[in-house]
PDBML (XML) file of the C-alpha atoms, coordinates in Angstrom:
<?xml version="1.0" encoding="UTF-8" ?>
<PDBx:datablock datablockName="MODEL"
   xmlns:PDBx="http://pdbml.pdb.org/schema/pdbx-v50.xsd"
   xmlns:xsi="http://www.w3.org/2001/XMLSchema-instance"
   xsi:schemaLocation="http://pdbml.pdb.org/schema/pdbx-v50.xsd pdbx-v50.xsd">
   <PDBx:atom_siteCategory>
      <PDBx:atom_site id="1">
         <PDBx:B_iso_or_equiv>0.00</PDBx:B_iso_or_equiv>
         <PDBx:Cartn_x>5.201</PDBx:Cartn_x>
         <PDBx:Cartn_y>-9.555</PDBx:Cartn_y>
         <PDBx:Cartn_z>-12.712</PDBx:Cartn_z>
         <PDBx:auth_asym_id>A</PDBx:auth_asym_id>
         <PDBx:auth_atom_id>CA</PDBx:auth_atom_id>
         <PDBx:auth_comp_id>GLY</PDBx:auth_comp_id>
         <PDBx:auth_seq_id>1</PDBx:auth_seq_id>
         <PDBx:group_PDB>ATOM</PDBx:group_PDB>
         <PDBx:label_alt_id xsi:nil="true" />
         <PDBx:label_asym_id>A</PDBx:label_asym_id>
         <PDBx:label_atom_id>CA</PDBx:label_atom_id>
         <PDBx:label_comp_id>GLY</PDBx:label_comp_id>
         <PDBx:label_entity_id>1</PDBx:label_entity_id>
         <PDBx:label_seq_id>1</PDBx:label_seq_id>
         <PDBx:occupancy>1.00</PDBx:occupancy>
         <PDBx:pdbx_PDB_model_num>1</PDBx:pdbx_PDB_model_num>
         <PDBx:type_symbol>C</PDBx:type_symbol>
      </PDBx:atom_site>
      <PDBx:atom_site id="2">
         <PDBx:B_iso_or_equiv>0.00</PDBx:B_iso_or_equiv>
         <PDBx:Cartn_x>2.289</PDBx:Cartn_x>
         <PDBx:Cartn_y>-8.318</PDBx:Cartn_y>
         <PDBx:Cartn_z>-10.560</PDBx:Cartn_z>
         <PDBx:auth_asym_id>A</PDBx:auth_asym_id>
         <PDBx:auth_atom_id>CA</PDBx:auth_atom_id>
         <PDBx:auth_comp_id>LYS</PDBx:auth_comp_id>
         <PDBx:auth_seq_id>2</PDBx:auth_seq_id>
         <PDBx:group_PDB>ATOM</PDBx:group_PDB>
         <PDBx:label_alt_id xsi:nil="true" />
         <PDBx:label_asym_id>A</PDBx:label_asym_id>
         <PDBx:label_atom_id>CA</PDBx:label_atom_id>
         <PDBx:label_comp_id>LYS</PDBx:label_comp_id>
         <PDBx:label_entity_id>1</PDBx:label_entity_id>
         <PDBx:label_seq_id>2</PDBx:label_seq_id>
         <PDBx:occupancy>1.00</PDBx:occupancy>
         <PDBx:pdbx_PDB_model_num>1</PDBx:pdbx_PDB_model_num>
         <PDBx:type_symbol>C</PDBx:type_symbol>
      </PDBx:atom_site>
      <PDBx:atom_site id="3">
         <PDBx:B_iso_or_equiv>0.00</PDBx:B_iso_or_equiv>
         <PDBx:Cartn_x>2.734</PDBx:Cartn_x>
         <PDBx:Cartn_y>-7.395</PDBx:Cartn_y>
         <PDBx:Cartn_z>-6.906</PDBx:Cartn_z>
         <PDBx:auth_asym_id>A</PDBx:auth_asym_id>
         <PDBx:auth_atom_id>CA</PDBx:auth_atom_id>
         <PDBx:auth_comp_id>TYR</PDBx:auth_comp_id>
         <PDBx:auth_seq_id>3</PDBx:auth_seq_id>
         <PDBx:group_PDB>ATOM</PDBx:group_PDB>
         <PDBx:label_alt_id xsi:nil="true" />
         <PDBx:label_asym_id>A</PDBx:label_asym_id>
         <PDBx:label_atom_id>CA</PDBx:label_atom_id>
         <PDBx:label_comp_id>TYR</PDBx:label_comp_id>
         <PDBx:label_entity_id>1</PDBx:label_entity_id>
         <PDBx:label_seq_id>3</PDBx:label_seq_id>
         <PDBx:occupancy>1.00</PDBx:occupancy>
         <PDBx:pdbx_PDB_model_num>1</PDBx:pdbx_PDB_model_num>
         <PDBx:type_symbol>C</PDBx:type_symbol>
      </PDBx:atom_site>
      <PDBx:atom_site id="4">
         <PDBx:B_iso_or_equiv>0.00</PDBx:B_iso_or_equiv>
         <PDBx:Cartn_x>-0.117</PDBx:Cartn_x>
         <PDBx:Cartn_y>-6.480</PDBx:Cartn_y>
         <PDBx:Cartn_z>-4.625</PDBx:Cartn_z>
         <PDBx:auth_asym_id>A</PDBx:auth_asym_id>
         <PDBx:auth_atom_id>CA</PDBx:auth_atom_id>
         <PDBx:auth_comp_id>LYS</PDBx:auth_comp_id>
         <PDBx:auth_seq_id>4</PDBx:auth_seq_id>
         <PDBx:group_PDB>ATOM</PDBx:group_PDB>
         <PDBx:label_alt_id xsi:nil="true" />
         <PDBx:label_asym_id>A</PDBx:label_asym_id>
         <PDBx:label_atom_id>CA</PDBx:label_atom_id>
         <PDBx:label_comp_id>LYS</PDBx:label_comp_id>
         <PDBx:label_entity_id>1</PDBx:label_entity_id>
         <PDBx:label_seq_id>4</PDBx:label_seq_id>
         <PDBx:occupancy>1.00</PDBx:occupancy>
         <PDBx:pdbx_PDB_model_num>1</PDBx:pdbx_PDB_model_num>
         <PDBx:type_symbol>C</PDBx:type_symbol>
      </PDBx:atom_site>
      <PDBx:atom_site id="5">
         <PDBx:B_iso_or_equiv>0.00</PDBx:B_iso_or_equiv>
         <PDBx:Cartn_x>-0.713</PDBx:Cartn_x>
         <PDBx:Cartn_y>-4.765</PDBx:Cartn_y>
         <PDBx:Cartn_z>-1.312</PDBx:Cartn_z>
         <PDBx:auth_asym_id>A</PDBx:auth_asym_id>
         <PDBx:auth_atom_id>CA</PDBx:auth_atom_id>
         <PDBx:auth_comp_id>VAL</PDBx:auth_comp_id>
         <PDBx:auth_seq_id>5</PDBx:auth_seq_id>
         <PDBx:group_PDB>ATOM</PDBx:group_PDB>
         <PDBx:label_alt_id xsi:nil="true" />
         <PDBx:label_asym_id>A</PDBx:label_asym_id>
         <PDBx:label_atom_id>CA</PDBx:label_atom_id>
         <PDBx:label_comp_id>VAL</PDBx:label_comp_id>
         <PDBx:label_entity_id>1</PDBx:label_entity_id>
         <PDBx:label_seq_id>5</PDBx:label_seq_id>
         <PDBx:occupancy>1.00</PDBx:occupancy>
         <PDBx:pdbx_PDB_model_num>1</PDBx:pdbx_PDB_model_num>
         <PDBx:type_symbol>C</PDBx:type_symbol>
      </PDBx:atom_site>
      <PDBx:atom_site id="6">
         <PDBx:B_iso_or_equiv>0.00</PDBx:B_iso_or_equiv>
         <PDBx:Cartn_x>-4.071</PDBx:Cartn_x>
         <PDBx:Cartn_y>-5.041</PDBx:Cartn_y>
         <PDBx:Cartn_z>0.433</PDBx:Cartn_z>
         <PDBx:auth_asym_id>A</PDBx:auth_asym_id>
         <PDBx:auth_atom_id>CA</PDBx:auth_atom_id>
         <PDBx:auth_comp_id>ARG</PDBx:auth_comp_id>
         <PDBx:auth_seq_id>6</PDBx:auth_seq_id>
         <PDBx:group_PDB>ATOM</PDBx:group_PDB>
         <PDBx:label_alt_id xsi:nil="true" />
         <PDBx:label_asym_id>A</PDBx:label_asym_id>
         <PDBx:label_atom_id>CA</PDBx:label_atom_id>
         <PDBx:label_comp_id>ARG</PDBx:label_comp_id>
         <PDBx:label_entity_id>1</PDBx:label_entity_id>
         <PDBx:label_seq_id>6</PDBx:label_seq_id>
         <PDBx:occupancy>1.00</PDBx:occupancy>
         <PDBx:pdbx_PDB_model_num>1</PDBx:pdbx_PDB_model_num>
         <PDBx:type_symbol>C</PDBx:type_symbol>
      </PDBx:atom_site>
      <PDBx:atom_site id="7">
         <PDBx:B_iso_or_equiv>0.00</PDBx:B_iso_or_equiv>
         <PDBx:Cartn_x>-5.598</PDBx:Cartn_x>
         <PDBx:Cartn_y>-2.859</PDBx:Cartn_y>
         <PDBx:Cartn_z>3.107</PDBx:Cartn_z>
         <PDBx:auth_asym_id>A</PDBx:auth_asym_id>
         <PDBx:auth_atom_id>CA</PDBx:auth_atom_id>
         <PDBx:auth_comp_id>PHE</PDBx:auth_comp_id>
         <PDBx:auth_seq_id>7</PDBx:auth_seq_id>
         <PDBx:group_PDB>ATOM</PDBx:group_PDB>
         <PDBx:label_alt_id xsi:nil="true" />
         <PDBx:label_asym_id>A</PDBx:label_asym_id>
         <PDBx:label_atom_id>CA</PDBx:label_atom_id>
         <PDBx:label_comp_id>PHE</PDBx:label_comp_id>
         <PDBx:label_entity_id>1</PDBx:label_entity_id>
         <PDBx:label_seq_id>7</PDBx:label_seq_id>
         <PDBx:occupancy>1.00</PDBx:occupancy>
         <PDBx:pdbx_PDB_model_num>1</PDBx:pdbx_PDB_model_num>
         <PDBx:type_symbol>C</PDBx:type_symbol>
      </PDBx:atom_site>
      <PDBx:atom_site id="8">
         <PDBx:B_iso_or_equiv>0.00</PDBx:B_iso_or_equiv>
         <PDBx:Cartn_x>-8.840</PDBx:Cartn_x>
         <PDBx:Cartn_y>-3.082</PDBx:Cartn_y>
         <PDBx:Cartn_z>5.104</PDBx:Cartn_z>
         <PDBx:auth_asym_id>A</PDBx:auth_asym_id>
         <PDBx:auth_atom_id>CA</PDBx:auth_atom_id>
         <PDBx:auth_comp_id>LEU</PDBx:auth_comp_id>
         <PDBx:auth_seq_id>8</PDBx:auth_seq_id>
         <PDBx:group_PDB>ATOM</PDBx:group_PDB>
         <PDBx:label_alt_id xsi:nil="true" />
         <PDBx:label_asym_id>A</PDBx:label_asym_id>
         <PDBx:label_atom_id>CA</PDBx:label_atom_id>
         <PDBx:label_comp_id>LEU</PDBx:label_comp_id>
         <PDBx:label_entity_id>1</PDBx:label_entity_id>
         <PDBx:label_seq_id>8</PDBx:label_seq_id>
         <PDBx:occupancy>1.00</PDBx:occupancy>
         <PDBx:pdbx_PDB_model_num>1</PDBx:pdbx_PDB_model_num>
         <PDBx:type_symbol>C</PDBx:type_symbol>
      </PDBx:atom_site>
      <PDBx:atom_site id="9">
         <PDBx:B_iso_or_equiv>0.00</PDBx:B_iso_or_equiv>
         <PDBx:Cartn_x>-9.978</PDBx:Cartn_x>
         <PDBx:Cartn_y>0.454</PDBx:Cartn_y>
         <PDBx:Cartn_z>6.007</PDBx:Cartn_z>
         <PDBx:auth_asym_id>A</PDBx:auth_asym_id>
         <PDBx:auth_atom_id>CA</PDBx:auth_atom_id>
         <PDBx:auth_comp_id>PRO</PDBx:auth_comp_id>
         <PDBx:auth_seq_id>9</PDBx:auth_seq_id>
         <PDBx:group_PDB>ATOM</PDBx:group_PDB>
         <PDBx:label_alt_id xsi:nil="true" />
         <PDBx:label_asym_id>A</PDBx:label_asym_id>
         <PDBx:label_atom_id>CA</PDBx:label_atom_id>
         <PDBx:label_comp_id>PRO</PDBx:label_comp_id>
         <PDBx:label_entity_id>1</PDBx:label_entity_id>
         <PDBx:label_seq_id>9</PDBx:label_seq_id>
         <PDBx:occupancy>1.00</PDBx:occupancy>
         <PDBx:pdbx_PDB_model_num>1</PDBx:pdbx_PDB_model_num>
         <PDBx:type_symbol>C</PDBx:type_symbol>
      </PDBx:atom_site>
      <PDBx:atom_site id="10">
         <PDBx:B_iso_or_equiv>0.00</PDBx:B_iso_or_equiv>
         <PDBx:Cartn_x>-11.463</PDBx:Cartn_x>
         <PDBx:Cartn_y>0.790</PDBx:Cartn_y>
         <PDBx:Cartn_z>9.469</PDBx:Cartn_z>
         <PDBx:auth_asym_id>A</PDBx:auth_asym_id>
         <PDBx:auth_atom_id>CA</PDBx:auth_atom_id>
         <PDBx:auth_comp_id>HIS</PDBx:auth_comp_id>
         <PDBx:auth_seq_id>10</PDBx:auth_seq_id>
         <PDBx:group_PDB>ATOM</PDBx:group_PDB>
         <PDBx:label_alt_id xsi:nil="true" />
         <PDBx:label_asym_id>A</PDBx:label_asym_id>
         <PDBx:label_atom_id>CA</PDBx:label_atom_id>
         <PDBx:label_comp_id>HIS</PDBx:label_comp_id>
         <PDBx:label_entity_id>1</PDBx:label_entity_id>
         <PDBx:label_seq_id>10</PDBx:label_seq_id>
         <PDBx:occupancy>1.00</PDBx:occupancy>
         <PDBx:pdbx_PDB_model_num>1</PDBx:pdbx_PDB_model_num>
         <PDBx:type_symbol>C</PDBx:type_symbol>
      </PDBx:atom_site>
      <PDBx:atom_site id="11">
         <PDBx:B_iso_or_equiv>0.00</PDBx:B_iso_or_equiv>
         <PDBx:Cartn_x>-11.904</PDBx:Cartn_x>
         <PDBx:Cartn_y>4.582</PDBx:Cartn_y>
         <PDBx:Cartn_z>9.475</PDBx:Cartn_z>
         <PDBx:auth_asym_id>A</PDBx:auth_asym_id>
         <PDBx:auth_atom_id>CA</PDBx:auth_atom_id>
         <PDBx:auth_comp_id>VAL</PDBx:auth_comp_id>
         <PDBx:auth_seq_id>11</PDBx:auth_seq_id>
         <PDBx:group_PDB>ATOM</PDBx:group_PDB>
         <PDBx:label_alt_id xsi:nil="true" />
         <PDBx:label_asym_id>A</PDBx:label_asym_id>
         <PDBx:label_atom_id>CA</PDBx:label_atom_id>
         <PDBx:label_comp_id>VAL</PDBx:label_comp_id>
         <PDBx:label_entity_id>1</PDBx:label_entity_id>
         <PDBx:label_seq_id>11</PDBx:label_seq_id>
         <PDBx:occupancy>1.00</PDBx:occupancy>
         <PDBx:pdbx_PDB_model_num>1</PDBx:pdbx_PDB_model_num>
         <PDBx:type_symbol>C</PDBx:type_symbol>
      </PDBx:atom_site>
      <PDBx:atom_site id="12">
         <PDBx:B_iso_or_equiv>0.00</PDBx:B_iso_or_equiv>
         <PDBx:Cartn_x>-13.335</PDBx:Cartn_x>
         <PDBx:Cartn_y>6.854</PDBx:Cartn_y>
         <PDBx:Cartn_z>6.783</PDBx:Cartn_z>
         <PDBx:auth_asym_id>A</PDBx:auth_asym_id>
         <PDBx:auth_atom_id>CA</PDBx:auth_atom_id>
         <PDBx:auth_comp_id>THR</PDBx:auth_comp_id>
         <PDBx:auth_seq_id>12</PDBx:auth_seq_id>
         <PDBx:group_PDB>ATOM</PDBx:group_PDB>
         <PDBx:label_alt_id xsi:nil="true" />
         <PDBx:label_asym_id>A</PDBx:label_asym_id>
         <PDBx:label_atom_id>CA</PDBx:label_atom_id>
         <PDBx:label_comp_id>THR</PDBx:label_comp_id>
         <PDBx:label_entity_id>1</PDBx:label_entity_id>
         <PDBx:label_seq_id>12</PDBx:label_seq_id>
         <PDBx:occupancy>1.00</PDBx:occupancy>
         <PDBx:pdbx_PDB_model_num>1</PDBx:pdbx_PDB_model_num>
         <PDBx:type_symbol>C</PDBx:type_symbol>
      </PDBx:atom_site>
      <PDBx:atom_site id="13">
         <PDBx:B_iso_or_equiv>0.00</PDBx:B_iso_or_equiv>
         <PDBx:Cartn_x>-11.475</PDBx:Cartn_x>
         <PDBx:Cartn_y>9.859</PDBx:Cartn_y>
         <PDBx:Cartn_z>5.414</PDBx:Cartn_z>
         <PDBx:auth_asym_id>A</PDBx:auth_asym_id>
         <PDBx:auth_atom_id>CA</PDBx:auth_atom_id>
         <PDBx:auth_comp_id>GLY</PDBx:auth_comp_id>
         <PDBx:auth_seq_id>13</PDBx:auth_seq_id>
         <PDBx:group_PDB>ATOM</PDBx:group_PDB>
         <PDBx:label_alt_id xsi:nil="true" />
         <PDBx:label_asym_id>A</PDBx:label_asym_id>
         <PDBx:label_atom_id>CA</PDBx:label_atom_id>
         <PDBx:label_comp_id>GLY</PDBx:label_comp_id>
         <PDBx:label_entity_id>1</PDBx:label_entity_id>
         <PDBx:label_seq_id>13</PDBx:label_seq_id>
         <PDBx:occupancy>1.00</PDBx:occupancy>
         <PDBx:pdbx_PDB_model_num>1</PDBx:pdbx_PDB_model_num>
         <PDBx:type_symbol>C</PDBx:type_symbol>
      </PDBx:atom_site>
      <PDBx:atom_site id="14">
         <PDBx:B_iso_or_equiv>0.00</PDBx:B_iso_or_equiv>
         <PDBx:Cartn_x>-8.186</PDBx:Cartn_x>
         <PDBx:Cartn_y>10.399</PDBx:Cartn_y>
         <PDBx:Cartn_z>3.630</PDBx:Cartn_z>
         <PDBx:auth_asym_id>A</PDBx:auth_asym_id>
         <PDBx:auth_atom_id>CA</PDBx:auth_atom_id>
         <PDBx:auth_comp_id>THR</PDBx:auth_comp_id>
         <PDBx:auth_seq_id>14</PDBx:auth_seq_id>
         <PDBx:group_PDB>ATOM</PDBx:group_PDB>
         <PDBx:label_alt_id xsi:nil="true" />
         <PDBx:label_asym_id>A</PDBx:label_asym_id>
         <PDBx:label_atom_id>CA</PDBx:label_atom_id>
         <PDBx:label_comp_id>THR</PDBx:label_comp_id>
         <PDBx:label_entity_id>1</PDBx:label_entity_id>
         <PDBx:label_seq_id>14</PDBx:label_seq_id>
         <PDBx:occupancy>1.00</PDBx:occupancy>
         <PDBx:pdbx_PDB_model_num>1</PDBx:pdbx_PDB_model_num>
         <PDBx:type_symbol>C</PDBx:type_symbol>
      </PDBx:atom_site>
      <PDBx:atom_site id="15">
         <PDBx:B_iso_or_equiv>0.00</PDBx:B_iso_or_equiv>
         <PDBx:Cartn_x>-5.397</PDBx:Cartn_x>
         <PDBx:Cartn_y>7.842</PDBx:Cartn_y>
         <PDBx:Cartn_z>3.973</PDBx:Cartn_z>
         <PDBx:auth_asym_id>A</PDBx:auth_asym_id>
         <PDBx:auth_atom_id>CA</PDBx:auth_atom_id>
         <PDBx:auth_comp_id>TRP</PDBx:auth_comp_id>
         <PDBx:auth_seq_id>15</PDBx:auth_seq_id>
         <PDBx:group_PDB>ATOM</PDBx:group_PDB>
         <PDBx:label_alt_id xsi:nil="true" />
         <PDBx:label_asym_id>A</PDBx:label_asym_id>
         <PDBx:label_atom_id>CA</PDBx:label_atom_id>
         <PDBx:label_comp_id>TRP</PDBx:label_comp_id>
         <PDBx:label_entity_id>1</PDBx:label_entity_id>
         <PDBx:label_seq_id>15</PDBx:label_seq_id>
         <PDBx:occupancy>1.00</PDBx:occupancy>
         <PDBx:pdbx_PDB_model_num>1</PDBx:pdbx_PDB_model_num>
         <PDBx:type_symbol>C</PDBx:type_symbol>
      </PDBx:atom_site>
      <PDBx:atom_site id="16">
         <PDBx:B_iso_or_equiv>0.00</PDBx:B_iso_or_equiv>
         <PDBx:Cartn_x>-1.866</PDBx:Cartn_x>
         <PDBx:Cartn_y>7.911</PDBx:Cartn_y>
         <PDBx:Cartn_z>2.584</PDBx:Cartn_z>
         <PDBx:auth_asym_id>A</PDBx:auth_asym_id>
         <PDBx:auth_atom_id>CA</PDBx:auth_atom_id>
         <PDBx:auth_comp_id>THR</PDBx:auth_comp_id>
         <PDBx:auth_seq_id>16</PDBx:auth_seq_id>
         <PDBx:group_PDB>ATOM</PDBx:group_PDB>
         <PDBx:label_alt_id xsi:nil="true" />
         <PDBx:label_asym_id>A</PDBx:label_asym_id>
         <PDBx:label_atom_id>CA</PDBx:label_atom_id>
         <PDBx:label_comp_id>THR</PDBx:label_comp_id>
         <PDBx:label_entity_id>1</PDBx:label_entity_id>
         <PDBx:label_seq_id>16</PDBx:label_seq_id>
         <PDBx:occupancy>1.00</PDBx:occupancy>
         <PDBx:pdbx_PDB_model_num>1</PDBx:pdbx_PDB_model_num>
         <PDBx:type_symbol>C</PDBx:type_symbol>
      </PDBx:atom_site>
      <PDBx:atom_site id="17">
         <PDBx:B_iso_or_equiv>0.00</PDBx:B_iso_or_equiv>
         <PDBx:Cartn_x>0.428</PDBx:Cartn_x>
         <PDBx:Cartn_y>5.008</PDBx:Cartn_y>
         <PDBx:Cartn_z>1.754</PDBx:Cartn_z>
         <PDBx:auth_asym_id>A</PDBx:auth_asym_id>
         <PDBx:auth_atom_id>CA</PDBx:auth_atom_id>
         <PDBx:auth_comp_id>TYR</PDBx:auth_comp_id>
         <PDBx:auth_seq_id>17</PDBx:auth_seq_id>
         <PDBx:group_PDB>ATOM</PDBx:group_PDB>
         <PDBx:label_alt_id xsi:nil="true" />
         <PDBx:label_asym_id>A</PDBx:label_asym_id>
         <PDBx:label_atom_id>CA</PDBx:label_atom_id>
         <PDBx:label_comp_id>TYR</PDBx:label_comp_id>
         <PDBx:label_entity_id>1</PDBx:label_entity_id>
         <PDBx:label_seq_id>17</PDBx:label_seq_id>
         <PDBx:occupancy>1.00</PDBx:occupancy>
         <PDBx:pdbx_PDB_model_num>1</PDBx:pdbx_PDB_model_num>
         <PDBx:type_symbol>C</PDBx:type_symbol>
      </PDBx:atom_site>
      <PDBx:atom_site id="18">
         <PDBx:B_iso_or_equiv>0.00</PDBx:B_iso_or_equiv>
         <PDBx:Cartn_x>4.071</PDBx:Cartn_x>
         <PDBx:Cartn_y>4.387</PDBx:Cartn_y>
         <PDBx:Cartn_z>1.016</PDBx:Cartn_z>
         <PDBx:auth_asym_id>A</PDBx:auth_asym_id>
         <PDBx:auth_atom_id>CA</PDBx:auth_atom_id>
         <PDBx:auth_comp_id>GLU</PDBx:auth_comp_id>
         <PDBx:auth_seq_id>18</PDBx:auth_seq_id>
         <PDBx:group_PDB>ATOM</PDBx:group_PDB>
         <PDBx:label_alt_id xsi:nil="true" />
         <PDBx:label_asym_id>A</PDBx:label_asym_id>
         <PDBx:label_atom_id>CA</PDBx:label_atom_id>
         <PDBx:label_comp_id>GLU</PDBx:label_comp_id>
         <PDBx:label_entity_id>1</PDBx:label_entity_id>
         <PDBx:label_seq_id>18</PDBx:label_seq_id>
         <PDBx:occupancy>1.00</PDBx:occupancy>
         <PDBx:pdbx_PDB_model_num>1</PDBx:pdbx_PDB_model_num>
         <PDBx:type_symbol>C</PDBx:type_symbol>
      </PDBx:atom_site>
      <PDBx:atom_site id="19">
         <PDBx:B_iso_or_equiv>0.00</PDBx:B_iso_or_equiv>
         <PDBx:Cartn_x>5.812</PDBx:Cartn_x>
         <PDBx:Cartn_y>1.170</PDBx:Cartn_y>
         <PDBx:Cartn_z>0.042</PDBx:Cartn_z>
         <PDBx:auth_asym_id>A</PDBx:auth_asym_id>
         <PDBx:auth_atom_id>CA</PDBx:auth_atom_id>
         <PDBx:auth_comp_id>THR</PDBx:auth_comp_id>
         <PDBx:auth_seq_id>19</PDBx:auth_seq_id>
         <PDBx:group_PDB>ATOM</PDBx:group_PDB>
         <PDBx:label_alt_id xsi:nil="true" />
         <PDBx:label_asym_id>A</PDBx:label_asym_id>
         <PDBx:label_atom_id>CA</PDBx:label_atom_id>
         <PDBx:label_comp_id>THR</PDBx:label_comp_id>
         <PDBx:label_entity_id>1</PDBx:label_entity_id>
         <PDBx:label_seq_id>19</PDBx:label_seq_id>
         <PDBx:occupancy>1.00</PDBx:occupancy>
         <PDBx:pdbx_PDB_model_num>1</PDBx:pdbx_PDB_model_num>
         <PDBx:type_symbol>C</PDBx:type_symbol>
      </PDBx:atom_site>
      <PDBx:atom_site id="20">
         <PDBx:B_iso_or_equiv>0.00</PDBx:B_iso_or_equiv>
         <PDBx:Cartn_x>9.164</PDBx:Cartn_x>
         <PDBx:Cartn_y>-0.276</PDBx:Cartn_y>
         <PDBx:Cartn_z>1.086</PDBx:Cartn_z>
         <PDBx:auth_asym_id>A</PDBx:auth_asym_id>
         <PDBx:auth_atom_id>CA</PDBx:auth_atom_id>
         <PDBx:auth_comp_id>ARG</PDBx:auth_comp_id>
         <PDBx:auth_seq_id>20</PDBx:auth_seq_id>
         <PDBx:group_PDB>ATOM</PDBx:group_PDB>
         <PDBx:label_alt_id xsi:nil="true" />
         <PDBx:label_asym_id>A</PDBx:label_asym_id>
         <PDBx:label_atom_id>CA</PDBx:label_atom_id>
         <PDBx:label_comp_id>ARG</PDBx:label_comp_id>
         <PDBx:label_entity_id>1</PDBx:label_entity_id>
         <PDBx:label_seq_id>20</PDBx:label_seq_id>
         <PDBx:occupancy>1.00</PDBx:occupancy>
         <PDBx:pdbx_PDB_model_num>1</PDBx:pdbx_PDB_model_num>
         <PDBx:type_symbol>C</PDBx:type_symbol>
      </PDBx:atom_site>
      <PDBx:atom_site id="21">
         <PDBx:B_iso_or_equiv>0.00</PDBx:B_iso_or_equiv>
         <PDBx:Cartn_x>10.982</PDBx:Cartn_x>
         <PDBx:Cartn_y>-2.912</PDBx:Cartn_y>
         <PDBx:Cartn_z>-0.950</PDBx:Cartn_z>
         <PDBx:auth_asym_id>A</PDBx:auth_asym_id>
         <PDBx:auth_atom_id>CA</PDBx:auth_atom_id>
         <PDBx:auth_comp_id>SER</PDBx:auth_comp_id>
         <PDBx:auth_seq_id>21</PDBx:auth_seq_id>
         <PDBx:group_PDB>ATOM</PDBx:group_PDB>
         <PDBx:label_alt_id xsi:nil="true" />
         <PDBx:label_asym_id>A</PDBx:label_asym_id>
         <PDBx:label_atom_id>CA</PDBx:label_atom_id>
         <PDBx:label_comp_id>SER</PDBx:label_comp_id>
         <PDBx:label_entity_id>1</PDBx:label_entity_id>
         <PDBx:label_seq_id>21</PDBx:label_seq_id>
         <PDBx:occupancy>1.00</PDBx:occupancy>
         <PDBx:pdbx_PDB_model_num>1</PDBx:pdbx_PDB_model_num>
         <PDBx:type_symbol>C</PDBx:type_symbol>
      </PDBx:atom_site>
      <PDBx:atom_site id="22">
         <PDBx:B_iso_or_equiv>0.00</PDBx:B_iso_or_equiv>
         <PDBx:Cartn_x>14.416</PDBx:Cartn_x>
         <PDBx:Cartn_y>-4.277</PDBx:Cartn_y>
         <PDBx:Cartn_z>-1.798</PDBx:Cartn_z>
         <PDBx:auth_asym_id>A</PDBx:auth_asym_id>
         <PDBx:auth_atom_id>CA</PDBx:auth_atom_id>
         <PDBx:auth_comp_id>ASN</PDBx:auth_comp_id>
         <PDBx:auth_seq_id>22</PDBx:auth_seq_id>
         <PDBx:group_PDB>ATOM</PDBx:group_PDB>
         <PDBx:label_alt_id xsi:nil="true" />
         <PDBx:label_asym_id>A</PDBx:label_asym_id>
         <PDBx:label_atom_id>CA</PDBx:label_atom_id>
         <PDBx:label_comp_id>ASN</PDBx:label_comp_id>
         <PDBx:label_entity_id>1</PDBx:label_entity_id>
         <PDBx:label_seq_id>22</PDBx:label_seq_id>
         <PDBx:occupancy>1.00</PDBx:occupancy>
         <PDBx:pdbx_PDB_model_num>1</PDBx:pdbx_PDB_model_num>
         <PDBx:type_symbol>C</PDBx:type_symbol>
      </PDBx:atom_site>
      <PDBx:atom_site id="23">
         <PDBx:B_iso_or_equiv>0.00</PDBx:B_iso_or_equiv>
         <PDBx:Cartn_x>13.488</PDBx:Cartn_x>
         <PDBx:Cartn_y>-3.750</PDBx:Cartn_y>
         <PDBx:Cartn_z>-5.452</PDBx:Cartn_z>
         <PDBx:auth_asym_id>A</PDBx:auth_asym_id>
         <PDBx:auth_atom_id>CA</PDBx:auth_atom_id>
         <PDBx:auth_comp_id>VAL</PDBx:auth_comp_id>
         <PDBx:auth_seq_id>23</PDBx:auth_seq_id>
         <PDBx:group_PDB>ATOM</PDBx:group_PDB>
         <PDBx:label_alt_id xsi:nil="true" />
         <PDBx:label_asym_id>A</PDBx:label_asym_id>
         <PDBx:label_atom_id>CA</PDBx:label_atom_id>
         <PDBx:label_comp_id>VAL</PDBx:label_comp_id>
         <PDBx:label_entity_id>1</PDBx:label_entity_id>
         <PDBx:label_seq_id>23</PDBx:label_seq_id>
         <PDBx:occupancy>1.00</PDBx:occupancy>
         <PDBx:pdbx_PDB_model_num>1</PDBx:pdbx_PDB_model_num>
         <PDBx:type_symbol>C</PDBx:type_symbol>
      </PDBx:atom_site>
      <PDBx:atom_site id="24">
         <PDBx:B_iso_or_equiv>0.00</PDBx:B_iso_or_equiv>
         <PDBx:Cartn_x>13.728</PDBx:Cartn_x>
         <PDBx:Cartn_y>-0.136</PDBx:Cartn_y>
         <PDBx:Cartn_z>-6.675</PDBx:Cartn_z>
         <PDBx:auth_asym_id>A</PDBx:auth_asym_id>
         <PDBx:auth_atom_id>CA</PDBx:auth_atom_id>
         <PDBx:auth_comp_id>PRO</PDBx:auth_comp_id>
         <PDBx:auth_seq_id>24</PDBx:auth_seq_id>
         <PDBx:group_PDB>ATOM</PDBx:group_PDB>
         <PDBx:label_alt_id xsi:nil="true" />
         <PDBx:label_asym_id>A</PDBx:label_asym_id>
         <PDBx:label_atom_id>CA</PDBx:label_atom_id>
         <PDBx:label_comp_id>PRO</PDBx:label_comp_id>
         <PDBx:label_entity_id>1</PDBx:label_entity_id>
         <PDBx:label_seq_id>24</PDBx:label_seq_id>
         <PDBx:occupancy>1.00</PDBx:occupancy>
         <PDBx:pdbx_PDB_model_num>1</PDBx:pdbx_PDB_model_num>
         <PDBx:type_symbol>C</PDBx:type_symbol>
      </PDBx:atom_site>
      <PDBx:atom_site id="25">
         <PDBx:B_iso_or_equiv>0.00</PDBx:B_iso_or_equiv>
         <PDBx:Cartn_x>10.633</PDBx:Cartn_x>
         <PDBx:Cartn_y>-0.409</PDBx:Cartn_y>
         <PDBx:Cartn_z>-8.889</PDBx:Cartn_z>
         <PDBx:auth_asym_id>A</PDBx:auth_asym_id>
         <PDBx:auth_atom_id>CA</PDBx:auth_atom_id>
         <PDBx:auth_comp_id>ALA</PDBx:auth_comp_id>
         <PDBx:auth_seq_id>25</PDBx:auth_seq_id>
         <PDBx:group_PDB>ATOM</PDBx:group_PDB>
         <PDBx:label_alt_id xsi:nil="true" />
         <PDBx:label_asym_id>A</PDBx:label_asym_id>
         <PDBx:label_atom_id>CA</PDBx:label_atom_id>
         <PDBx:label_comp_id>ALA</PDBx:label_comp_id>
         <PDBx:label_entity_id>1</PDBx:label_entity_id>
         <PDBx:label_seq_id>25</PDBx:label_seq_id>
         <PDBx:occupancy>1.00</PDBx:occupancy>
         <PDBx:pdbx_PDB_model_num>1</PDBx:pdbx_PDB_model_num>
         <PDBx:type_symbol>C</PDBx:type_symbol>
      </PDBx:atom_site>
   </PDBx:atom_siteCategory>
</PDBx:datablock>
């Protein structure tokens, strides 16, 4: 039941994220 998203930052500072999925949760 675990889903993961991975990101490799290439710039310092504040980043935001938002997911998209066909599953509401």
